């Protein structure tokens, strides 16, 4: 059975596509000598792997967890006859980290970034009959030159760092498009005016063509619009006959049909969807559709026991969101990882709030040189995920602690200008969402002020926020490095309560002292959580975390997604009415 057979890009669907997941040929290249040996010209590699699962994972059929400097993939494929007169695009959901792709021994392009999606137009490189695609991926999480997120920089997993991912870890697929086609789509929902603004770009010389869009809600048509393409761009505003708002727990989605036409002939057609939803900051709160919504979020690491970075099935992605909703959470921080589009799609479908985050850990940002290995990938993902109504904020960096100096003489501070530039670029590309420059510490410029207090003693934890609760000074974990300026206040990590009874080994990890009993766990969980819910100057929290990951055992579920506690008891605590509601 083909692994991960579902359509990989739900926001932009075409009928003609081919999934290339499944068995590929595979080789490790520890000496990175494959190019001199011309492995890209080989008709076969030495081993086998099941794509899209990384070679570290059990599902790949390999399970090699040591460092891999370089890996090679190859497989044969045939293009359907009906595609021969069109353009053929080869898509990679994600390859960690630096990829080069060959078709029939000819290089078609390179891509740097382990989390963002990319594609190449391979039309000119195709031959009649059988073709061969070869990919080389280089990966070095210890270099300081690439974002690695929670991937361990040691041989073993430890603390809150886990098994690495190398090479292909999302779906590989072919797409057939016409010679002139829709290249990208950007939706700006405008519920105040009851409309959706659409910005489109095109490939292949669309100047003078007509761009046509139609919106529907269920079976009922809601409105349409059209515009003449100028150069390679066009904008349309569709005024909607009925307003159905997308909200947490109420995932109202409109369907979209978009086409590019010329002389009455349809050149290209795309199916899509959008949610009518606004995000505003006012009175130290985050407002969704002009209502202050307390964000009850949970930290989701996006790891799986058998697939590592890759969910074994599409249903597993959906299940993680359903588990969180069942526990009384209305959203998640996608933590230290850019998640795959199918997870974001299910959040859209289920009415589940998300904060988008890069996997910045491991990247040296002590100088501006870090921008070259951060910003392009971040910009690619901002464009890819912009249209999701579930994503209500961006957080490019997490915990940018001062880094040890390589000479051993103290610490080197983060380069504040790196954070400032990334913040400004993010705001320039997306004017519709708030941006946190760095979650947890050392804010330089931020729309939302957030902290990570992991104090486990409820009395001490409550004391942090008591002055703020009564209109006094806000709790600031780093007053010498940042200033609270009356932004919305977000406790974006807390809790992390260590719970693995019967497994008191020296390998497991969590925050603070372990509760002695389940009763003590619930007293702590309730005390910490209600402290935040009851404070009228706190607008959101994020509990660490949804499930255990390897040795980190502070999840509410186990790593294999079994409940550690009665979910209804957690739900009852989380859903208590917040002071701002």
Protein backbone atom coordinates (compact mmCIF):
# COMPACT_ATOMS: atom_id res chain seq x y z
CA UNK A 1 0.00 0.00 0.00
CA UNK A 2 1.30 3.44 -0.94
CA UNK A 3 2.36 5.37 2.22
CA UNK A 4 0.80 8.79 2.77
CA UNK A 5 -1.33 8.64 -0.41
CA UNK A 6 -3.44 11.77 0.27
CA UNK A 7 -3.11 14.98 -1.76
CA UNK A 8 -0.23 16.89 -0.10
CA UNK A 9 -1.24 20.52 -0.78
CA UNK A 10 -4.90 21.04 0.23
CA UNK A 11 -4.86 24.81 -0.32
CA UNK A 12 -4.16 24.48 -4.05
CA UNK A 13 -5.60 21.31 -5.59
CA UNK A 14 -5.29 20.16 -9.19
CA UNK A 15 -6.67 16.94 -10.64
CA UNK A 16 -3.58 15.82 -12.52
CA UNK A 17 -0.92 14.64 -10.09
CA UNK A 18 1.08 11.52 -9.24
CA UNK A 19 2.29 10.44 -5.80
CA UNK A 20 5.93 9.24 -5.85
CA UNK A 21 5.98 7.91 -2.30
CA UNK A 22 6.87 4.26 -1.81
CA UNK A 23 10.04 2.27 -2.33
CA UNK A 24 13.09 4.20 -3.54
CA UNK A 25 16.70 3.14 -3.90
CA UNK A 26 18.89 4.56 -1.14
CA UNK A 27 22.53 4.95 -0.06
CA UNK A 28 24.35 6.65 2.78
CA UNK A 29 27.35 8.71 1.73
CA UNK A 30 29.26 9.52 4.92
CA UNK A 31 32.26 10.86 3.01
CA UNK A 32 30.13 13.03 0.69
CA UNK A 33 31.93 11.47 -2.27
CA UNK A 34 28.83 10.68 -4.30
CA UNK A 35 29.20 13.57 -6.71
CA UNK A 36 32.78 12.75 -7.74
CA UNK A 37 31.62 9.15 -8.12
CA UNK A 38 28.70 10.40 -10.25
CA UNK A 39 26.03 8.58 -8.25
CA UNK A 40 23.50 10.85 -9.98
CA UNK A 41 24.16 8.87 -13.15
CA UNK A 42 23.68 5.48 -11.49
CA UNK A 43 20.84 3.23 -12.63
CA UNK A 44 20.51 1.88 -9.12
CA UNK A 45 21.68 2.54 -5.56
CA UNK A 46 22.69 -0.16 -3.10
CA UNK A 47 19.79 -0.12 -0.64
CA UNK A 48 16.05 0.49 -0.31
CA UNK A 49 13.97 2.99 1.67
CA UNK A 50 10.26 3.71 2.06
CA UNK A 51 9.61 7.37 1.20
CA UNK A 52 8.49 9.73 2.76
CA UNK A 53 9.92 8.34 6.00
CA UNK A 54 13.42 9.45 7.01
CA UNK A 55 16.18 6.79 7.26
CA UNK A 56 16.32 7.25 11.05
CA UNK A 57 12.73 6.02 11.37
CA UNK A 58 11.42 2.48 11.71
CA UNK A 59 8.84 3.08 8.99
CA UNK A 60 11.58 3.78 6.44
CA UNK A 61 12.77 0.20 6.77
CA UNK A 62 16.24 1.38 7.82
CA UNK A 63 16.23 2.81 11.36
CA UNK A 64 19.80 4.13 11.27
CA UNK A 65 20.04 6.77 14.01
CA UNK A 66 23.69 7.80 13.81
CA UNK A 67 24.74 11.00 12.02
CA UNK A 68 24.49 10.91 8.23
CA UNK A 69 26.44 13.62 6.41
CA UNK A 70 24.90 12.83 3.05
CA UNK A 71 22.27 10.47 1.62
CA UNK A 72 21.20 9.55 -1.92
CA UNK A 73 17.77 8.57 -3.26
CA UNK A 74 16.74 7.34 -6.71
CA UNK A 75 13.74 5.82 -8.45
CA UNK A 76 12.28 5.30 -11.90
CA UNK A 77 8.95 6.77 -12.97
CA UNK A 78 6.85 7.19 -16.09
CA UNK A 79 4.91 10.29 -17.06
CA UNK A 80 1.34 9.68 -18.32
CA UNK A 81 0.97 10.17 -22.08
CA UNK A 82 -1.56 12.95 -21.61
CA UNK A 83 1.05 15.10 -19.83
CA UNK A 84 3.54 15.21 -22.70
CA UNK A 85 2.29 18.49 -24.19
CA UNK A 86 2.09 20.22 -20.79
CA UNK A 87 4.51 21.24 -18.03
CA UNK A 88 5.57 18.70 -15.39
CA UNK A 89 6.54 19.89 -11.91
CA UNK A 90 8.37 17.74 -9.38
CA UNK A 91 7.43 18.64 -5.78
CA UNK A 92 9.18 17.84 -2.50
CA UNK A 93 7.22 18.52 0.69
CA UNK A 94 10.45 18.77 2.69
CA UNK A 95 14.04 17.49 2.49
CA UNK A 96 16.48 17.96 5.36
CA UNK A 97 18.69 19.84 4.69
CA UNK A 98 20.47 20.79 1.44
CA UNK A 99 19.11 19.03 -1.63
CA UNK A 100 20.13 18.66 -5.26
CA UNK A 101 17.89 16.88 -7.78
CA UNK A 102 18.79 15.20 -11.08
CA UNK A 103 16.48 13.94 -13.80
CA UNK A 104 18.07 11.34 -16.04
CA UNK A 105 21.50 12.40 -14.77
CA UNK A 106 20.99 16.13 -15.42
CA UNK A 107 20.83 18.52 -12.46
CA UNK A 108 17.54 20.40 -12.29
CA UNK A 109 18.22 22.54 -9.22
CA UNK A 110 19.15 22.83 -5.57
CA UNK A 111 17.29 23.83 -2.43
CA UNK A 112 18.49 24.72 1.07
CA UNK A 113 16.18 24.31 4.05
CA UNK A 114 14.92 21.26 5.88
CA UNK A 115 11.31 22.37 6.43
CA UNK A 116 10.02 24.38 3.48
CA UNK A 117 8.46 22.89 0.35
CA UNK A 118 10.00 23.30 -3.10
CA UNK A 119 9.58 22.18 -6.70
CA UNK A 120 11.38 22.11 -10.03
CA UNK A 121 9.98 22.27 -13.56
CA UNK A 122 11.44 19.08 -15.06
CA UNK A 123 9.67 19.22 -18.43
CA UNK A 124 12.77 19.80 -20.53
CA UNK A 125 14.65 16.94 -18.85
CA UNK A 126 12.07 14.22 -19.45
CA UNK A 127 12.60 11.42 -21.96
CA UNK A 128 9.97 9.18 -23.59
CA UNK A 129 9.11 6.13 -21.50
CA UNK A 130 10.91 5.53 -18.20
CA UNK A 131 12.69 8.39 -16.43
CA UNK A 132 14.84 8.45 -13.30
CA UNK A 133 14.89 10.99 -10.47
CA UNK A 134 17.91 11.14 -8.14
CA UNK A 135 18.23 13.28 -5.03
CA UNK A 136 21.23 14.02 -2.83
CA UNK A 137 20.64 15.50 0.64
CA UNK A 138 23.41 16.85 2.87
CA UNK A 139 22.76 17.36 6.58
CA UNK A 140 24.93 18.63 9.45
CA UNK A 141 23.00 19.59 12.59
CA UNK A 142 26.27 20.32 14.46
CA UNK A 143 27.52 22.96 12.02
CA UNK A 144 25.67 25.96 13.48
CA UNK A 145 24.77 26.79 9.88
CA UNK A 146 21.29 25.26 9.70
CA UNK A 147 18.11 25.35 11.78
CA UNK A 148 17.63 21.88 13.29
CA UNK A 149 14.84 22.40 15.83
CA UNK A 150 14.60 19.59 18.37
CA UNK A 151 16.96 17.24 16.51
CA UNK A 152 19.72 16.05 18.84
CA UNK A 153 23.25 17.34 18.33
CA UNK A 154 24.62 14.28 20.15
CA UNK A 155 24.53 10.63 19.16
CA UNK A 156 21.76 9.91 21.67
CA UNK A 157 18.62 11.86 22.35
CA UNK A 158 18.79 13.79 25.60
CA UNK A 159 16.89 16.39 27.60
CA UNK A 160 14.38 17.97 25.18
CA UNK A 161 16.29 16.98 22.02
CA UNK A 162 15.26 13.93 20.05
CA UNK A 163 16.09 11.60 17.15
CA UNK A 164 17.28 13.38 14.02
CA UNK A 165 15.69 13.48 10.56
CA UNK A 166 17.82 13.35 7.41
CA UNK A 167 16.71 13.60 3.79
CA UNK A 168 13.14 13.24 2.47
CA UNK A 169 10.44 13.41 5.16
CA UNK A 170 7.37 14.64 3.30
CA UNK A 171 5.54 13.49 0.18
CA UNK A 172 7.25 13.60 -3.22
CA UNK A 173 4.86 14.15 -6.10
CA UNK A 174 4.49 15.10 -9.74
CA UNK A 175 2.02 17.67 -10.98
CA UNK A 176 0.89 18.38 -14.51
CA UNK A 177 0.15 22.04 -15.32
CA UNK A 178 -0.61 23.81 -18.61
CA UNK A 179 1.99 25.95 -20.36
CA UNK A 180 0.41 29.01 -18.73
CA UNK A 181 -0.82 28.41 -15.20
CA UNK A 182 -1.66 29.79 -11.77
CA UNK A 183 1.56 30.00 -9.78
CA UNK A 184 0.53 31.20 -6.31
CA UNK A 185 -2.51 32.44 -4.43
CA UNK A 186 -2.79 34.70 -1.40
CA UNK A 187 -6.08 35.20 0.46
CA UNK A 188 -6.75 38.17 2.74
CA UNK A 189 -10.05 37.65 4.57
CA UNK A 190 -11.99 40.79 5.37
CA UNK A 191 -14.96 39.95 7.61
CA UNK A 192 -15.56 43.62 8.50
CA UNK A 193 -16.46 44.27 4.87
CA UNK A 194 -17.85 40.81 4.14
CA UNK A 195 -15.34 39.93 1.42
CA UNK A 196 -12.22 38.00 0.49
CA UNK A 197 -9.31 39.64 -1.33
CA UNK A 198 -7.32 37.34 -3.62
CA UNK A 199 -3.83 38.09 -4.93
CA UNK A 200 -2.60 35.74 -7.64
CA UNK A 201 0.60 35.29 -9.61
CA UNK A 202 1.02 33.32 -12.83
CA UNK A 203 3.63 31.43 -14.81
CA UNK A 204 4.17 31.08 -18.54
CA UNK A 205 3.04 34.42 -19.94
CA UNK A 206 -0.48 35.16 -18.64
CA UNK A 207 -0.55 38.87 -19.50
CA UNK A 208 -3.99 39.77 -20.83
CA UNK A 209 -5.64 36.55 -19.66
CA UNK A 210 -8.70 36.57 -17.41
CA UNK A 211 -8.45 35.43 -13.80
CA UNK A 212 -11.81 34.18 -12.53
CA UNK A 213 -12.79 33.20 -8.99
CA UNK A 214 -16.00 31.86 -7.44
CA UNK A 215 -16.79 31.26 -3.75
CA UNK A 216 -19.34 28.89 -2.24
CA UNK A 217 -20.44 27.86 1.23
CA UNK A 218 -21.64 24.29 1.14
CA UNK A 219 -23.78 23.98 -1.97
CA UNK A 220 -24.67 27.67 -2.08
CA UNK A 221 -22.83 30.15 -4.25
CA UNK A 222 -21.54 33.13 -2.26
CA UNK A 223 -20.05 35.40 -4.91
CA UNK A 224 -17.56 35.67 -7.73
CA UNK A 225 -15.16 38.04 -9.42
CA UNK A 226 -12.74 38.40 -12.30
CA UNK A 227 -9.79 40.51 -13.35
CA UNK A 228 -7.48 40.94 -16.31
CA UNK A 229 -3.94 39.73 -15.64
CA UNK A 230 -1.37 42.50 -15.85
CA UNK A 231 2.10 41.12 -16.39
CA UNK A 232 2.08 38.07 -14.15
CA UNK A 233 -0.30 39.27 -11.43
CA UNK A 234 -4.00 39.90 -10.78
CA UNK A 235 -6.16 40.89 -7.80
CA UNK A 236 -9.81 40.05 -7.17
CA UNK A 237 -12.21 41.00 -4.38
CA UNK A 238 -15.24 38.74 -3.90
CA UNK A 239 -18.10 40.29 -1.93
CA UNK A 240 -19.82 37.47 -0.08
CA UNK A 241 -23.61 37.28 0.05
CA UNK A 242 -23.49 35.60 3.48
CA UNK A 243 -20.98 35.97 6.30
CA UNK A 244 -19.92 32.73 7.98
CA UNK A 245 -17.02 33.34 10.34
CA UNK A 246 -14.20 30.87 10.98
CA UNK A 247 -13.60 30.61 14.72
CA UNK A 248 -12.02 28.16 17.15
CA UNK A 249 -14.51 25.33 17.50
CA UNK A 250 -16.57 26.68 14.56
CA UNK A 251 -14.56 25.87 11.43
CA UNK A 252 -16.71 27.51 8.77
CA UNK A 253 -14.85 27.26 5.46
CA UNK A 254 -15.76 28.62 2.05
CA UNK A 255 -14.81 26.69 -1.08
CA UNK A 256 -13.04 28.46 -3.93
CA UNK A 257 -12.81 27.65 -7.62
CA UNK A 258 -10.15 29.62 -9.47
CA UNK A 259 -9.34 29.58 -13.17
CA UNK A 260 -7.15 31.24 -15.74
CA UNK A 261 -8.88 31.84 -19.07
CA UNK A 262 -8.06 33.18 -22.50
CA UNK A 263 -10.47 33.78 -25.37
CA UNK A 264 -13.21 31.90 -23.58
CA UNK A 265 -10.95 28.84 -23.14
CA UNK A 266 -10.01 27.66 -19.67
CA UNK A 267 -6.24 27.24 -19.35
CA UNK A 268 -5.90 26.22 -15.70
CA UNK A 269 -8.21 25.39 -12.80
CA UNK A 270 -7.48 25.17 -9.08
CA UNK A 271 -9.72 24.21 -6.14
CA UNK A 272 -9.12 25.81 -2.77
CA UNK A 273 -10.78 27.10 0.41
CA UNK A 274 -10.59 29.98 2.88
CA UNK A 275 -11.86 31.02 6.27
CA UNK A 276 -13.40 34.42 6.98
CA UNK A 277 -11.51 35.45 10.10
CA UNK A 278 -9.77 38.51 11.53
CA UNK A 279 -7.04 38.85 14.17
CA UNK A 280 -6.60 42.13 16.02
CA UNK A 281 -4.65 43.33 19.06
CA UNK A 282 -6.51 45.63 21.43
CA UNK A 283 -6.61 46.31 25.18
CA UNK A 284 -3.76 43.84 25.83
CA UNK A 285 -5.82 41.03 24.31
CA UNK A 286 -5.83 39.08 21.05
CA UNK A 287 -9.22 39.47 19.38
CA UNK A 288 -10.56 36.95 16.87
CA UNK A 289 -13.49 38.27 14.84
CA UNK A 290 -13.78 41.22 17.23
CA UNK A 291 -14.05 39.04 20.33
CA UNK A 292 -11.33 38.55 22.95
CA UNK A 293 -10.53 34.85 22.84
CA UNK A 294 -8.41 33.31 25.59
CA UNK A 295 -6.00 31.01 23.80
CA UNK A 296 -5.76 27.70 25.65
CA UNK A 297 -2.83 26.24 23.71
CA UNK A 298 -0.71 23.15 24.05
CA UNK A 299 2.83 22.55 22.83
CA UNK A 300 2.98 20.08 19.93
CA UNK A 301 6.46 18.91 18.93
CA UNK A 302 5.35 17.09 15.76
CA UNK A 303 7.21 13.85 16.51
CA UNK A 304 6.04 10.25 16.05
CA UNK A 305 7.54 7.04 17.53
CA UNK A 306 7.73 5.19 14.22
CA UNK A 307 8.03 8.06 11.73
CA UNK A 308 10.04 10.67 13.73
CA UNK A 309 9.19 13.92 11.87
CA UNK A 310 6.63 12.19 9.62
CA UNK A 311 3.20 11.09 10.78
CA UNK A 312 2.54 7.47 9.76
CA UNK A 313 -0.85 8.40 8.32
CA UNK A 314 -2.94 11.46 7.57
CA UNK A 315 -5.34 10.23 10.24
CA UNK A 316 -2.53 10.48 12.82
CA UNK A 317 -2.19 14.21 12.08
CA UNK A 318 -5.91 14.69 12.57
CA UNK A 319 -5.90 12.57 15.74
CA UNK A 320 -3.30 14.80 17.45
CA UNK A 321 -5.59 17.79 17.00
CA UNK A 322 -8.62 15.82 18.16
CA UNK A 323 -6.70 14.71 21.29
CA UNK A 324 -5.86 18.33 22.08
CA UNK A 325 -9.46 19.46 21.57
CA UNK A 326 -10.64 16.62 23.79
CA UNK A 327 -8.39 17.93 26.56
CA UNK A 328 -9.98 21.37 26.38
CA UNK A 329 -7.30 23.13 24.33
CA UNK A 330 -8.37 25.40 21.47
CA UNK A 331 -5.01 25.55 19.72
CA UNK A 332 -1.32 24.65 19.66
CA UNK A 333 2.14 26.06 19.22
CA UNK A 334 3.75 24.11 16.36
CA UNK A 335 7.00 23.96 18.25
CA UNK A 336 10.54 24.22 16.82
CA UNK A 337 9.34 22.73 13.55
CA UNK A 338 7.49 23.90 10.46
CA UNK A 339 4.70 21.34 10.24
CA UNK A 340 3.50 19.77 7.02
CA UNK A 341 0.53 21.34 5.18
CA UNK A 342 -1.78 18.40 5.96
CA UNK A 343 -1.56 19.11 9.71
CA UNK A 344 -2.44 22.75 9.08
CA UNK A 345 -5.30 21.64 6.83
CA UNK A 346 -6.80 19.57 9.65
CA UNK A 347 -6.50 22.53 12.01
CA UNK A 348 -8.42 24.60 9.45
CA UNK A 349 -11.06 21.87 9.17
CA UNK A 350 -11.41 21.33 12.92
CA UNK A 351 -11.33 24.96 14.08
CA UNK A 352 -8.03 24.72 15.94
CA UNK A 353 -5.77 27.75 16.46
CA UNK A 354 -2.07 27.57 15.52
CA UNK A 355 1.07 29.61 15.99
CA UNK A 356 3.62 29.10 13.21
CA UNK A 357 7.24 28.75 14.29
CA UNK A 358 10.61 28.03 12.67
CA UNK A 359 13.01 25.35 13.92
CA UNK A 360 15.69 27.90 14.83
CA UNK A 361 17.59 25.86 17.43
CA UNK A 362 21.04 24.89 16.23
CA UNK A 363 21.47 27.97 14.02
CA UNK A 364 24.11 30.47 15.10
CA UNK A 365 22.46 33.91 15.17
CA UNK A 366 25.24 35.72 17.03
CA UNK A 367 25.98 37.63 13.82
CA UNK A 368 23.96 38.79 10.83
CA UNK A 369 25.38 35.85 8.85
CA UNK A 370 22.64 33.75 10.42
CA UNK A 371 20.06 35.51 8.25
CA UNK A 372 21.31 33.76 5.10
CA UNK A 373 20.47 30.37 6.58
CA UNK A 374 17.22 31.41 8.19
CA UNK A 375 15.31 34.03 6.24
CA UNK A 376 14.85 32.39 2.80
CA UNK A 377 13.32 29.23 4.28
CA UNK A 378 11.16 31.26 6.66
CA UNK A 379 9.87 33.38 3.76
CA UNK A 380 9.05 30.26 1.71
CA UNK A 381 6.96 28.88 4.55
CA UNK A 382 5.20 32.20 5.21
CA UNK A 383 4.07 32.11 1.60
CA UNK A 384 3.11 28.43 1.69
CA UNK A 385 1.01 28.66 4.88
CA UNK A 386 -0.31 32.23 4.61
CA UNK A 387 -3.85 31.22 3.60
CA UNK A 388 -4.59 29.08 6.66
CA UNK A 389 -7.30 30.62 8.89
CA UNK A 390 -6.04 28.45 11.76
CA UNK A 391 -2.67 30.21 11.91
CA UNK A 392 -3.27 33.34 13.97
CA UNK A 393 0.33 34.38 14.63
CA UNK A 394 3.98 33.87 13.68
CA UNK A 395 6.94 33.21 15.93
CA UNK A 396 10.15 32.86 13.90
CA UNK A 397 12.46 32.27 16.89
CA UNK A 398 12.13 30.35 20.14
CA UNK A 399 14.38 30.79 23.19
CA UNK A 400 17.33 32.52 21.56
CA UNK A 401 19.48 32.17 24.62
CA UNK A 402 22.94 33.67 24.77
CA UNK A 403 25.31 31.17 23.19
CA UNK A 404 28.61 29.85 24.60
CA UNK A 405 31.61 31.50 23.00
CA UNK A 406 33.61 28.95 21.00
CA UNK A 407 36.81 30.16 22.67
CA UNK A 408 35.32 29.23 26.04
CA UNK A 409 35.35 32.82 27.34
CA UNK A 410 31.80 33.43 28.50
CA UNK A 411 28.74 33.94 26.29
CA UNK A 412 27.98 35.80 23.09
CA UNK A 413 24.59 37.53 23.02
CA UNK A 414 22.12 37.00 20.19
CA UNK A 415 22.45 39.56 17.43
CA UNK A 416 19.40 41.73 18.11
CA UNK A 417 19.43 42.97 14.53
CA UNK A 418 18.84 39.43 13.25
CA UNK A 419 15.64 39.26 15.29
CA UNK A 420 14.64 42.79 14.31
CA UNK A 421 15.13 42.16 10.58
CA UNK A 422 13.22 38.86 10.64
CA UNK A 423 10.39 40.53 12.54
CA UNK A 424 10.22 43.38 10.02
CA UNK A 425 10.32 41.03 7.03
CA UNK A 426 7.57 38.90 8.55
CA UNK A 427 5.39 41.96 9.11
CA UNK A 428 6.06 43.15 5.56
CA UNK A 429 4.98 39.80 4.12
CA UNK A 430 1.98 39.42 6.42
CA UNK A 431 0.17 42.48 7.73
CA UNK A 432 -2.77 40.42 9.00
CA UNK A 433 -1.20 38.55 11.94
CA UNK A 434 0.76 39.39 15.09
CA UNK A 435 4.44 38.42 15.26
CA UNK A 436 6.49 37.39 18.27
CA UNK A 437 10.16 38.01 17.55
CA UNK A 438 11.48 35.34 19.92
CA UNK A 439 9.37 33.26 22.24
CA UNK A 440 10.36 33.14 25.87
CA UNK A 441 13.18 35.62 26.19
CA UNK A 442 15.13 38.67 25.02
CA UNK A 443 12.40 40.43 23.04
CA UNK A 444 13.74 43.07 20.65
CA UNK A 445 10.52 44.10 18.90
CA UNK A 446 7.32 42.11 19.36
CA UNK A 447 3.56 42.45 18.99
CA UNK A 448 2.93 40.01 21.85
CA UNK A 449 4.97 39.80 25.05
CA UNK A 450 5.57 36.22 26.12
CA UNK A 451 7.46 34.30 28.79
CA UNK A 452 8.31 30.69 29.74
CA UNK A 453 7.96 30.30 33.53
CA UNK A 454 8.50 26.65 34.50
CA UNK A 455 8.19 27.13 38.26
CA UNK A 456 6.49 24.01 39.66
CA UNK A 457 5.51 25.37 43.08
CA UNK A 458 1.99 26.75 42.68
CA UNK A 459 2.39 29.37 45.42
CA UNK A 460 5.59 30.75 43.91
CA UNK A 461 4.12 30.61 40.40
CA UNK A 462 1.04 32.54 41.52
CA UNK A 463 3.21 35.11 43.27
CA UNK A 464 4.89 35.94 39.94
CA UNK A 465 1.59 37.20 38.54
CA UNK A 466 -0.19 38.55 41.63
CA UNK A 467 0.87 42.23 41.17
CA UNK A 468 -0.12 42.09 37.49
CA UNK A 469 -3.51 40.59 38.39
CA UNK A 470 -4.34 43.70 40.41
CA UNK A 471 -3.08 46.21 37.86
CA UNK A 472 0.54 46.31 39.00
CA UNK A 473 3.77 45.58 37.19
CA UNK A 474 3.79 42.66 34.76
CA UNK A 475 6.03 39.72 35.56
CA UNK A 476 9.18 39.98 33.43
CA UNK A 477 11.68 37.13 33.44
CA UNK A 478 14.49 39.23 31.88
CA UNK A 479 13.99 42.86 32.95
CA UNK A 480 17.60 43.67 32.06
CA UNK A 481 17.08 42.57 28.45
CA UNK A 482 13.47 43.45 27.60
CA UNK A 483 10.72 45.89 28.54
CA UNK A 484 7.01 45.16 28.76
CA UNK A 485 5.12 47.78 26.74
CA UNK A 486 1.50 46.80 27.43
CA UNK A 487 1.30 44.29 24.61
CA UNK A 488 -0.98 41.26 24.92
CA UNK A 489 0.65 39.01 27.53
CA UNK A 490 1.14 35.35 26.63
CA UNK A 491 2.54 32.65 28.92
CA UNK A 492 3.68 30.62 25.93
CA UNK A 493 5.28 27.78 27.90
CA UNK A 494 4.55 26.58 31.42
CA UNK A 495 3.90 23.35 33.28
CA UNK A 496 5.95 20.56 31.78
CA UNK A 497 5.01 18.44 34.80
CA UNK A 498 7.20 15.34 34.91
CA UNK A 499 5.06 12.19 35.10
CA UNK A 500 6.25 8.67 34.39
CA UNK A 501 5.43 6.56 37.45
CA UNK A 502 7.09 3.17 37.52
CA UNK A 503 9.89 4.37 35.20
CA UNK A 504 12.15 6.25 37.59
CA UNK A 505 15.27 5.85 35.44
CA UNK A 506 18.09 8.30 34.84
CA UNK A 507 17.25 8.71 31.15
CA UNK A 508 13.83 10.31 31.44
CA UNK A 509 13.51 14.09 31.65
CA UNK A 510 10.98 16.70 32.69
CA UNK A 511 10.70 20.01 34.54
CA UNK A 512 11.19 20.26 38.29
CA UNK A 513 10.35 17.65 40.92
CA UNK A 514 8.00 14.82 39.95
CA UNK A 515 4.65 14.74 41.75
CA UNK A 516 4.50 11.80 44.17
CA UNK A 517 0.90 10.94 43.32
CA UNK A 518 -1.67 11.55 40.60
CA UNK A 519 -3.60 13.67 43.08
CA UNK A 520 -0.53 15.88 43.49
CA UNK A 521 -0.21 16.13 39.71
CA UNK A 522 -3.76 17.43 39.36
CA UNK A 523 -3.34 19.88 42.23
CA UNK A 524 -0.28 21.29 40.49
CA UNK A 525 -1.85 21.31 37.02
CA UNK A 526 -4.99 23.03 38.26
CA UNK A 527 -3.10 25.54 40.39
CA UNK A 528 -0.75 26.60 37.59
CA UNK A 529 -3.47 26.75 34.94
CA UNK A 530 -6.09 28.58 36.98
CA UNK A 531 -3.50 31.18 37.99
CA UNK A 532 -3.29 32.13 34.33
CA UNK A 533 -6.99 31.82 33.52
CA UNK A 534 -7.94 34.02 36.47
CA UNK A 535 -5.61 36.89 35.58
CA UNK A 536 -7.40 39.65 33.60
CA UNK A 537 -4.11 40.79 32.04
CA UNK A 538 -3.11 37.42 30.57
CA UNK A 539 -4.67 36.53 27.23
CA UNK A 540 -3.16 33.12 26.40
CA UNK A 541 -1.24 30.15 27.72
CA UNK A 542 0.53 27.17 26.21
CA UNK A 543 1.01 24.04 28.31
CA UNK A 544 4.09 21.87 27.84
CA UNK A 545 3.14 19.43 26.35
CA UNK A 546 0.57 17.32 24.49
CA UNK A 547 2.45 14.00 24.52
CA UNK A 548 5.76 12.57 25.70
CA UNK A 549 8.58 12.57 23.17
CA UNK A 550 11.20 9.89 23.70
CA UNK A 551 12.87 10.63 27.06
CA UNK A 552 10.89 13.84 27.69
CA UNK A 553 8.00 12.58 29.82
CA UNK A 554 5.95 15.68 30.60
CA UNK A 555 3.15 14.97 28.14
CA UNK A 556 -0.52 14.58 28.96
CA UNK A 557 -0.44 11.56 26.63
CA UNK A 558 2.30 9.00 26.11
CA UNK A 559 4.49 9.07 23.01
CA UNK A 560 2.26 6.43 21.38
CA UNK A 561 -0.77 8.65 22.10
CA UNK A 562 -2.28 6.87 25.09
CA UNK A 563 -3.85 9.04 27.84
CA UNK A 564 -1.80 9.27 31.04
CA UNK A 565 -4.74 10.78 32.95
CA UNK A 566 -8.49 10.98 32.65
CA UNK A 567 -8.86 13.42 29.73
CA UNK A 568 -12.11 14.77 31.16
CA UNK A 569 -10.35 15.94 34.32
CA UNK A 570 -7.80 17.87 32.22
CA UNK A 571 -10.59 19.27 30.08
CA UNK A 572 -12.51 20.48 33.13
CA UNK A 573 -9.47 22.43 34.36
CA UNK A 574 -8.64 23.92 30.95
CA UNK A 575 -12.15 25.04 30.05
CA UNK A 576 -12.82 27.07 33.18
CA UNK A 577 -13.94 30.54 32.09
CA UNK A 578 -11.03 32.97 31.78
CA UNK A 579 -11.02 36.42 33.32
CA UNK A 580 -10.89 38.10 29.90
CA UNK A 581 -13.92 36.18 28.57
